[in-house]
N, C-alpha and C. Protein backbone atom coordinates (compact mmCIF):
# COMPACT_ATOMS: atom_id res chain seq x y z
N MET A 1 18.21 -2.35 -4.71
CA MET A 1 16.94 -1.83 -5.54
C MET A 1 15.86 -2.78 -5.24
N ILE A 2 16.25 -4.16 -5.40
CA ILE A 2 15.14 -5.34 -5.11
C ILE A 2 14.61 -5.01 -3.41
N GLY A 3 13.29 -4.97 -3.52
CA GLY A 3 12.78 -4.60 -2.13
C GLY A 3 12.83 -3.11 -1.75
N GLU A 4 13.49 -2.03 -2.55
CA GLU A 4 13.32 -0.83 -2.07
C GLU A 4 11.87 -0.34 -2.42
N LYS A 5 11.32 0.10 -1.29
CA LYS A 5 9.84 0.38 -1.38
C LYS A 5 9.53 1.85 -1.40
N VAL A 6 8.37 1.86 -2.20
CA VAL A 6 7.97 3.09 -2.77
C VAL A 6 6.48 3.32 -1.95
N VAL A 7 6.08 4.47 -1.61
CA VAL A 7 4.91 4.69 -0.54
C VAL A 7 4.28 5.91 -1.05
N ILE A 8 3.11 5.87 -1.31
CA ILE A 8 1.88 7.12 -1.36
C ILE A 8 0.66 6.93 -0.61
N ARG A 9 0.20 8.07 -0.33
CA ARG A 9 -1.01 8.02 0.64
C ARG A 9 -2.05 8.80 -0.26
N TYR A 10 -3.38 8.56 0.13
CA TYR A 10 -4.37 9.05 -0.47
C TYR A 10 -5.61 8.89 0.43
N ARG A 11 -6.48 10.02 0.78
CA ARG A 11 -7.81 9.84 1.23
C ARG A 11 -8.75 9.48 0.46
N MET A 12 -9.64 8.81 0.80
CA MET A 12 -10.82 8.25 -0.15
C MET A 12 -11.80 9.19 0.26
N ALA A 13 -12.11 9.92 -0.71
CA ALA A 13 -13.10 11.12 -0.65
C ALA A 13 -14.58 10.68 -0.90
N ALA A 14 -15.63 11.18 -0.43
CA ALA A 14 -17.07 10.95 -0.72
C ALA A 14 -17.26 10.65 -1.94
N SER A 15 -16.62 11.23 -3.00
CA SER A 15 -16.81 11.12 -4.40
C SER A 15 -16.37 9.75 -4.87
N ASP A 16 -15.35 9.08 -4.05
CA ASP A 16 -15.00 7.97 -4.54
C ASP A 16 -15.71 6.70 -4.07
N ALA A 17 -16.65 7.18 -3.17
CA ALA A 17 -17.97 5.82 -2.83
C ALA A 17 -18.49 5.55 -4.02
N HIS A 18 -18.62 4.10 -4.22
CA HIS A 18 -19.12 3.66 -5.34
C HIS A 18 -20.53 2.84 -5.28
N TYR A 19 -20.30 2.29 -3.95
CA TYR A 19 -21.38 1.37 -3.43
C TYR A 19 -22.18 1.92 -2.19
N ALA A 20 -23.27 1.21 -1.88
CA ALA A 20 -24.03 1.56 -0.75
C ALA A 20 -22.94 1.42 0.45
N GLY A 21 -23.35 2.32 1.40
CA GLY A 21 -22.68 2.13 2.85
C GLY A 21 -21.29 3.16 2.57
N ASP A 22 -20.89 3.81 1.50
CA ASP A 22 -19.74 4.38 1.43
C ASP A 22 -18.65 3.70 0.98
N LEU A 23 -19.03 2.21 0.38
CA LEU A 23 -17.70 1.50 0.09
C LEU A 23 -17.11 1.84 -1.15
N VAL A 24 -15.78 2.10 -1.14
CA VAL A 24 -15.11 2.37 -2.23
C VAL A 24 -14.72 1.07 -3.09
N GLU A 25 -14.89 1.26 -4.50
CA GLU A 25 -14.50 0.15 -5.57
C GLU A 25 -12.91 -0.06 -5.55
N GLY A 26 -12.66 -1.42 -5.60
CA GLY A 26 -11.34 -1.76 -5.71
C GLY A 26 -10.53 -1.29 -7.06
N ALA A 27 -11.18 -0.58 -7.98
CA ALA A 27 -10.29 0.10 -9.01
C ALA A 27 -9.51 1.23 -8.53
N HIS A 28 -9.94 1.88 -7.41
CA HIS A 28 -9.17 2.87 -6.78
C HIS A 28 -7.81 2.13 -6.39
N THR A 29 -7.78 0.99 -5.83
CA THR A 29 -6.27 0.64 -5.39
C THR A 29 -5.72 0.25 -6.49
N VAL A 30 -6.14 -0.30 -7.51
CA VAL A 30 -5.20 -0.60 -8.88
C VAL A 30 -4.84 0.53 -9.41
N THR A 31 -5.67 1.73 -9.55
CA THR A 31 -5.10 2.99 -10.09
C THR A 31 -3.96 3.36 -9.09
N ALA A 32 -4.01 3.33 -7.72
CA ALA A 32 -2.79 3.89 -7.01
C ALA A 32 -1.60 3.14 -7.09
N TRP A 33 -1.90 1.55 -7.42
CA TRP A 33 -0.68 0.87 -7.93
C TRP A 33 -0.14 1.22 -9.11
N GLY A 34 -0.76 1.72 -9.90
CA GLY A 34 -0.34 2.24 -11.11
C GLY A 34 0.87 3.23 -10.88
N ASP A 35 0.36 4.31 -9.92
CA ASP A 35 1.17 5.49 -9.64
C ASP A 35 2.39 4.96 -9.16
N VAL A 36 2.45 3.91 -8.05
CA VAL A 36 3.54 3.36 -7.35
C VAL A 36 4.25 2.57 -8.39
N GLY A 37 3.93 1.90 -9.28
CA GLY A 37 4.65 1.28 -10.34
C GLY A 37 5.42 2.01 -11.20
N THR A 38 4.67 3.29 -11.67
CA THR A 38 5.47 4.48 -12.32
C THR A 38 6.71 5.03 -11.60
N GLU A 39 6.38 5.16 -10.34
CA GLU A 39 7.66 5.81 -9.74
C GLU A 39 8.63 4.61 -9.41
N LEU A 40 8.31 3.67 -9.20
CA LEU A 40 9.50 2.36 -9.41
C LEU A 40 10.19 2.40 -10.37
N ALA A 41 9.58 2.61 -11.76
CA ALA A 41 10.01 2.30 -13.10
C ALA A 41 10.80 3.77 -13.34
N ILE A 42 10.27 4.79 -12.79
CA ILE A 42 11.21 6.13 -13.07
C ILE A 42 12.63 5.85 -12.05
N ARG A 43 12.55 5.55 -10.94
CA ARG A 43 13.80 5.23 -10.16
C ARG A 43 14.67 4.40 -10.80
N LEU A 44 14.06 3.32 -11.33
CA LEU A 44 14.91 2.28 -11.90
C LEU A 44 15.34 2.54 -13.30
N PHE A 45 14.50 3.01 -14.25
CA PHE A 45 15.09 3.15 -15.61
C PHE A 45 14.81 4.46 -15.84
N GLY A 46 14.52 5.42 -14.95
CA GLY A 46 14.32 6.84 -15.70
C GLY A 46 13.32 7.23 -16.47
N ASP A 47 12.12 6.26 -16.84
CA ASP A 47 11.16 6.51 -17.66
C ASP A 47 9.84 6.04 -16.92
N GLU A 48 8.76 6.40 -17.32
CA GLU A 48 7.61 6.26 -16.75
C GLU A 48 7.10 4.75 -16.73
N SER A 49 7.53 4.23 -17.82
CA SER A 49 7.19 2.84 -18.31
C SER A 49 5.69 2.45 -18.64
N LEU A 50 5.53 1.26 -19.13
CA LEU A 50 3.95 0.89 -19.61
C LEU A 50 3.62 -0.14 -18.73
N PHE A 51 2.47 -0.24 -18.20
CA PHE A 51 2.20 -1.26 -17.24
C PHE A 51 1.28 -2.56 -18.08
N VAL A 52 2.23 -3.54 -18.12
CA VAL A 52 1.72 -4.49 -18.91
C VAL A 52 0.71 -5.49 -18.20
N GLY A 53 0.55 -5.46 -17.04
CA GLY A 53 -0.63 -6.19 -16.25
C GLY A 53 -0.28 -6.74 -15.02
N TYR A 54 -1.38 -7.14 -14.44
CA TYR A 54 -1.52 -7.67 -12.97
C TYR A 54 -1.45 -9.45 -13.17
N SER A 55 -0.70 -10.17 -12.34
CA SER A 55 -0.60 -11.55 -12.31
C SER A 55 -1.68 -11.77 -11.10
N GLU A 56 -1.78 -11.16 -10.27
CA GLU A 56 -2.67 -11.33 -9.14
C GLU A 56 -3.10 -10.12 -8.52
N VAL A 57 -4.35 -9.94 -8.05
CA VAL A 57 -4.86 -8.90 -7.24
C VAL A 57 -5.80 -9.56 -6.24
N ARG A 58 -5.90 -9.32 -5.03
CA ARG A 58 -6.51 -9.92 -3.94
C ARG A 58 -7.00 -9.04 -2.80
N TYR A 59 -8.33 -8.70 -2.79
CA TYR A 59 -8.82 -7.72 -1.96
C TYR A 59 -9.13 -8.46 -0.23
N THR A 60 -8.56 -7.86 0.45
CA THR A 60 -8.56 -8.55 1.86
C THR A 60 -9.69 -7.98 2.93
N ALA A 61 -9.86 -6.51 2.63
CA ALA A 61 -10.80 -5.86 3.70
C ALA A 61 -11.37 -4.70 2.93
N PRO A 62 -12.52 -4.16 3.38
CA PRO A 62 -13.11 -3.29 2.52
C PRO A 62 -12.58 -1.74 2.84
N VAL A 63 -12.74 -0.85 1.75
CA VAL A 63 -12.44 0.48 2.09
C VAL A 63 -13.60 1.14 1.88
N TYR A 64 -13.54 2.49 2.95
CA TYR A 64 -14.76 3.35 2.94
C TYR A 64 -14.40 4.80 2.61
N ALA A 65 -15.30 5.79 1.86
CA ALA A 65 -14.91 7.05 2.03
C ALA A 65 -14.59 7.65 3.36
N GLY A 66 -13.45 8.17 3.31
CA GLY A 66 -13.05 8.93 4.58
C GLY A 66 -11.78 8.17 4.93
N ASP A 67 -11.49 6.87 4.54
CA ASP A 67 -10.28 6.11 4.82
C ASP A 67 -9.27 6.85 4.40
N TRP A 68 -7.92 6.72 5.30
CA TRP A 68 -6.62 7.23 4.79
C TRP A 68 -6.07 5.96 4.09
N MET A 69 -5.47 5.84 3.09
CA MET A 69 -4.88 4.67 2.55
C MET A 69 -3.42 4.90 2.13
N GLU A 70 -2.59 3.73 2.25
CA GLU A 70 -1.37 3.88 1.93
C GLU A 70 -0.98 2.79 1.04
N TYR A 71 -0.29 3.32 -0.32
CA TYR A 71 -0.42 2.23 -1.32
C TYR A 71 1.19 2.31 -1.43
N SER A 72 1.71 0.99 -1.43
CA SER A 72 3.00 0.97 -1.46
C SER A 72 3.51 -0.37 -2.26
N GLY A 73 4.83 -0.50 -2.89
CA GLY A 73 5.08 -1.45 -3.79
C GLY A 73 6.79 -1.57 -3.93
N TRP A 74 7.30 -2.64 -4.20
CA TRP A 74 8.75 -2.71 -4.45
C TRP A 74 8.83 -3.50 -5.38
N ILE A 75 10.29 -3.61 -6.05
CA ILE A 75 10.32 -4.45 -7.11
C ILE A 75 11.03 -5.77 -6.47
N GLU A 76 10.67 -7.03 -7.35
CA GLU A 76 10.93 -8.31 -6.93
C GLU A 76 11.71 -8.94 -8.09
N LYS A 77 11.62 -8.51 -9.14
CA LYS A 77 12.35 -9.05 -10.19
C LYS A 77 12.50 -8.02 -11.40
N VAL A 78 13.91 -7.96 -11.86
CA VAL A 78 14.24 -7.11 -13.04
C VAL A 78 14.63 -7.87 -14.30
N GLY A 79 14.37 -7.55 -15.36
CA GLY A 79 14.57 -8.09 -16.55
C GLY A 79 15.35 -7.04 -17.22
N ASN A 80 15.53 -7.31 -18.64
CA ASN A 80 16.05 -6.48 -19.54
C ASN A 80 15.33 -5.21 -19.85
N THR A 81 13.85 -5.49 -19.82
CA THR A 81 13.09 -4.28 -20.23
C THR A 81 11.97 -4.25 -19.26
N SER A 82 11.90 -5.34 -18.12
CA SER A 82 10.62 -5.30 -17.43
C SER A 82 11.10 -5.17 -16.00
N LEU A 83 10.14 -4.82 -15.09
CA LEU A 83 10.23 -5.02 -13.57
C LEU A 83 8.79 -5.53 -13.12
N THR A 84 9.09 -6.51 -12.17
CA THR A 84 7.80 -7.05 -11.71
C THR A 84 7.90 -6.73 -10.11
N CYS A 85 6.54 -6.25 -9.77
CA CYS A 85 6.47 -5.48 -8.67
C CYS A 85 5.55 -6.06 -7.80
N HIS A 86 5.68 -6.11 -6.37
CA HIS A 86 4.61 -6.48 -5.37
C HIS A 86 3.86 -5.26 -4.96
N PHE A 87 2.58 -5.26 -4.75
CA PHE A 87 1.96 -3.98 -4.48
C PHE A 87 1.24 -4.33 -3.17
N GLU A 88 1.06 -3.43 -2.13
CA GLU A 88 0.04 -3.64 -1.10
C GLU A 88 -0.65 -2.38 -0.85
N ALA A 89 -1.77 -2.65 -0.01
CA ALA A 89 -2.56 -1.37 0.11
C ALA A 89 -3.05 -1.61 1.89
N HIS A 90 -2.64 -0.58 2.49
CA HIS A 90 -3.28 -0.81 3.92
C HIS A 90 -4.01 0.77 4.22
N LYS A 91 -5.15 0.25 5.02
CA LYS A 91 -5.90 1.43 5.72
C LYS A 91 -5.12 1.47 7.05
N VAL A 92 -4.71 3.29 6.97
CA VAL A 92 -3.91 3.71 8.19
C VAL A 92 -4.84 4.54 9.12
N ILE A 93 -5.94 5.06 8.60
CA ILE A 93 -7.01 6.11 9.31
C ILE A 93 -8.19 5.79 8.74
N GLU A 94 -9.30 5.59 9.77
CA GLU A 94 -10.59 5.61 9.19
C GLU A 94 -11.40 6.35 10.14
N LEU A 95 -12.67 6.68 9.42
CA LEU A 95 -13.58 7.73 10.36
C LEU A 95 -14.33 6.82 11.30
N ALA A 96 -14.43 7.44 12.37
CA ALA A 96 -14.97 6.89 13.80
C ALA A 96 -16.23 6.30 13.46
N ASP A 97 -16.80 5.18 13.97
CA ASP A 97 -17.97 4.51 13.55
C ASP A 97 -19.09 5.05 14.64
N ARG A 98 -19.81 5.96 13.73
CA ARG A 98 -20.78 6.71 14.55
C ARG A 98 -21.92 5.90 15.07
N GLU A 99 -22.22 4.89 14.64
CA GLU A 99 -23.33 4.03 15.05
C GLU A 99 -23.05 3.65 16.17
N ARG A 100 -21.67 3.15 16.58
CA ARG A 100 -21.49 2.68 18.08
C ARG A 100 -20.94 4.05 19.00
N THR A 101 -20.81 4.99 18.44
CA THR A 101 -20.07 6.09 19.40
C THR A 101 -20.96 7.16 19.18
N LYS A 102 -22.19 7.17 19.33
CA LYS A 102 -22.94 8.44 19.16
C LYS A 102 -22.49 9.63 19.99
N GLY A 103 -22.76 10.75 19.17
CA GLY A 103 -22.33 11.94 19.68
C GLY A 103 -21.04 12.56 19.31
N LEU A 104 -20.32 11.70 18.26
CA LEU A 104 -19.15 12.31 17.67
C LEU A 104 -19.39 13.00 16.59
N ALA A 105 -18.67 13.92 16.18
CA ALA A 105 -18.56 14.75 15.05
C ALA A 105 -18.65 13.80 13.89
N ASP A 106 -19.06 14.16 12.60
CA ASP A 106 -19.12 13.54 11.53
C ASP A 106 -17.37 13.36 10.91
N SER A 107 -16.63 14.34 11.47
CA SER A 107 -15.32 14.53 11.31
C SER A 107 -14.48 13.64 12.04
N ALA A 108 -14.82 13.06 13.07
CA ALA A 108 -14.01 12.23 14.15
C ALA A 108 -13.44 10.89 13.20
N ALA A 109 -12.26 11.04 13.36
CA ALA A 109 -11.43 9.81 12.79
C ALA A 109 -10.33 8.96 13.93
N ASN A 110 -10.12 7.83 13.54
CA ASN A 110 -9.31 7.04 14.22
C ASN A 110 -7.94 6.58 13.67
N VAL A 111 -6.81 7.09 14.33
CA VAL A 111 -5.52 6.47 13.60
C VAL A 111 -5.77 5.07 14.09
N LEU A 112 -5.53 4.03 13.11
CA LEU A 112 -5.40 2.44 13.49
C LEU A 112 -4.04 2.42 14.37
N PRO A 113 -4.18 1.36 15.39
CA PRO A 113 -3.05 0.91 15.77
C PRO A 113 -2.08 0.21 15.12
N GLU A 114 -2.80 -0.73 14.05
CA GLU A 114 -1.92 -1.31 13.26
C GLU A 114 -2.43 -1.06 11.85
N PRO A 115 -1.78 -0.73 10.82
CA PRO A 115 -2.45 -0.53 9.54
C PRO A 115 -3.37 -2.00 9.26
N ILE A 116 -4.40 -1.91 8.41
CA ILE A 116 -5.01 -3.03 7.99
C ILE A 116 -4.69 -3.27 6.39
N LEU A 117 -4.29 -4.53 6.16
CA LEU A 117 -4.01 -4.95 4.62
C LEU A 117 -5.32 -5.01 3.86
N THR A 118 -5.52 -4.21 3.02
CA THR A 118 -7.10 -4.42 2.32
C THR A 118 -6.93 -4.84 1.05
N ALA A 119 -5.46 -4.99 0.41
CA ALA A 119 -5.40 -5.59 -0.88
C ALA A 119 -3.82 -5.67 -1.19
N TYR A 120 -3.56 -6.74 -2.10
CA TYR A 120 -2.32 -7.15 -2.37
C TYR A 120 -2.16 -7.58 -3.83
N GLY A 121 -1.06 -7.34 -4.46
CA GLY A 121 -1.03 -8.04 -5.79
C GLY A 121 0.09 -8.00 -6.43
N THR A 122 0.46 -8.40 -7.86
CA THR A 122 1.71 -8.69 -8.55
C THR A 122 1.45 -8.13 -9.77
N GLY A 123 2.30 -7.13 -10.06
CA GLY A 123 2.41 -6.49 -11.58
C GLY A 123 3.45 -6.37 -12.23
N THR A 124 3.61 -6.34 -13.67
CA THR A 124 4.89 -6.21 -14.45
C THR A 124 4.63 -4.85 -15.36
N LEU A 125 5.80 -4.12 -15.38
CA LEU A 125 5.87 -3.08 -16.08
C LEU A 125 7.11 -3.18 -16.98
N MET A 126 7.21 -2.36 -18.16
CA MET A 126 8.26 -2.34 -18.92
C MET A 126 8.49 -1.15 -19.45
N VAL A 127 9.83 -1.02 -19.76
CA VAL A 127 10.39 0.24 -20.65
C VAL A 127 11.34 -0.46 -21.67
N LYS A 128 11.02 0.05 -22.86
CA LYS A 128 11.73 -0.52 -23.85
C LYS A 128 13.57 0.02 -23.64
N LYS A 129 14.34 -0.97 -23.91
CA LYS A 129 15.78 -0.59 -23.83
C LYS A 129 16.13 0.86 -24.30
N ASP A 130 15.78 1.27 -25.50
CA ASP A 130 16.14 2.64 -26.16
C ASP A 130 15.52 3.75 -25.39
N LEU A 131 14.33 3.48 -24.36
CA LEU A 131 13.97 4.57 -23.53
C LEU A 131 14.61 4.75 -22.15
N GLN A 132 15.22 3.66 -21.97
CA GLN A 132 15.76 3.63 -20.56
C GLN A 132 16.84 4.48 -20.21
N ARG A 133 16.81 5.18 -19.20
CA ARG A 133 17.95 6.34 -18.74
C ARG A 133 17.98 6.15 -17.20
N PRO A 134 18.96 4.97 -16.91
CA PRO A 134 19.12 4.91 -15.63
C PRO A 134 19.98 5.89 -14.86
N GLU A 135 20.67 6.53 -15.59
CA GLU A 135 21.36 7.84 -15.20
C GLU A 135 20.62 8.81 -14.53
N PHE A 136 19.49 8.91 -14.97
CA PHE A 136 18.32 9.69 -14.34
C PHE A 136 17.74 9.30 -13.29
N GLY A 137 17.69 8.11 -13.05
CA GLY A 137 17.15 7.44 -11.79
C GLY A 137 17.58 7.61 -10.57
N ASP A 138 17.15 6.81 -9.64
CA ASP A 138 17.57 6.89 -8.26
C ASP A 138 18.80 6.13 -8.05
N PRO A 139 19.85 6.38 -7.58
CA PRO A 139 21.06 5.88 -7.36
C PRO A 139 20.90 4.30 -6.56
N LYS A 140 19.93 4.53 -5.69
CA LYS A 140 19.74 3.28 -4.97
C LYS A 140 19.33 2.30 -5.63
N PHE A 141 18.55 2.59 -6.75
CA PHE A 141 18.08 1.43 -7.61
C PHE A 141 19.11 1.01 -8.86
N GLN A 142 20.24 1.68 -8.97
CA GLN A 142 20.99 1.24 -9.95
C GLN A 142 22.07 0.08 -9.90
N ASN A 143 22.00 -0.47 -8.71
CA ASN A 143 23.10 -1.51 -8.40
C ASN A 143 22.60 -2.85 -8.67
N ARG A 144 21.87 -3.11 -10.11
CA ARG A 144 21.54 -4.32 -10.31
C ARG A 144 22.60 -5.23 -11.39
């Protein structure tokens, strides 16, 4: 269960752009990590959990409208009612740079040869003991 990875993917839409140049704000990453953390808690405790907070969030590369993002996380530590998780965000597809490649359609996109780490962080979630239902979780997560 420690290190068992959960992954979700989202495409950043034009409506996700918040800043000039179609830049997407970092809050989208934190929101996606909330979903990843929720899935990890369900797989471990059989309950959606409450997110206690992040002890670290670092942004390492920009995210733009049109990017396909992969958000992942895994459990690093389990307590009686808590789980501490490591989260990462990677860009896996981006729109083609139309400034350097004139003549491409607006829909042209590039699958990146290697995912680009755009953010990482650590967060803690908790599930009260009386709400834990591990028998309804993922058996791979129950060997703690």
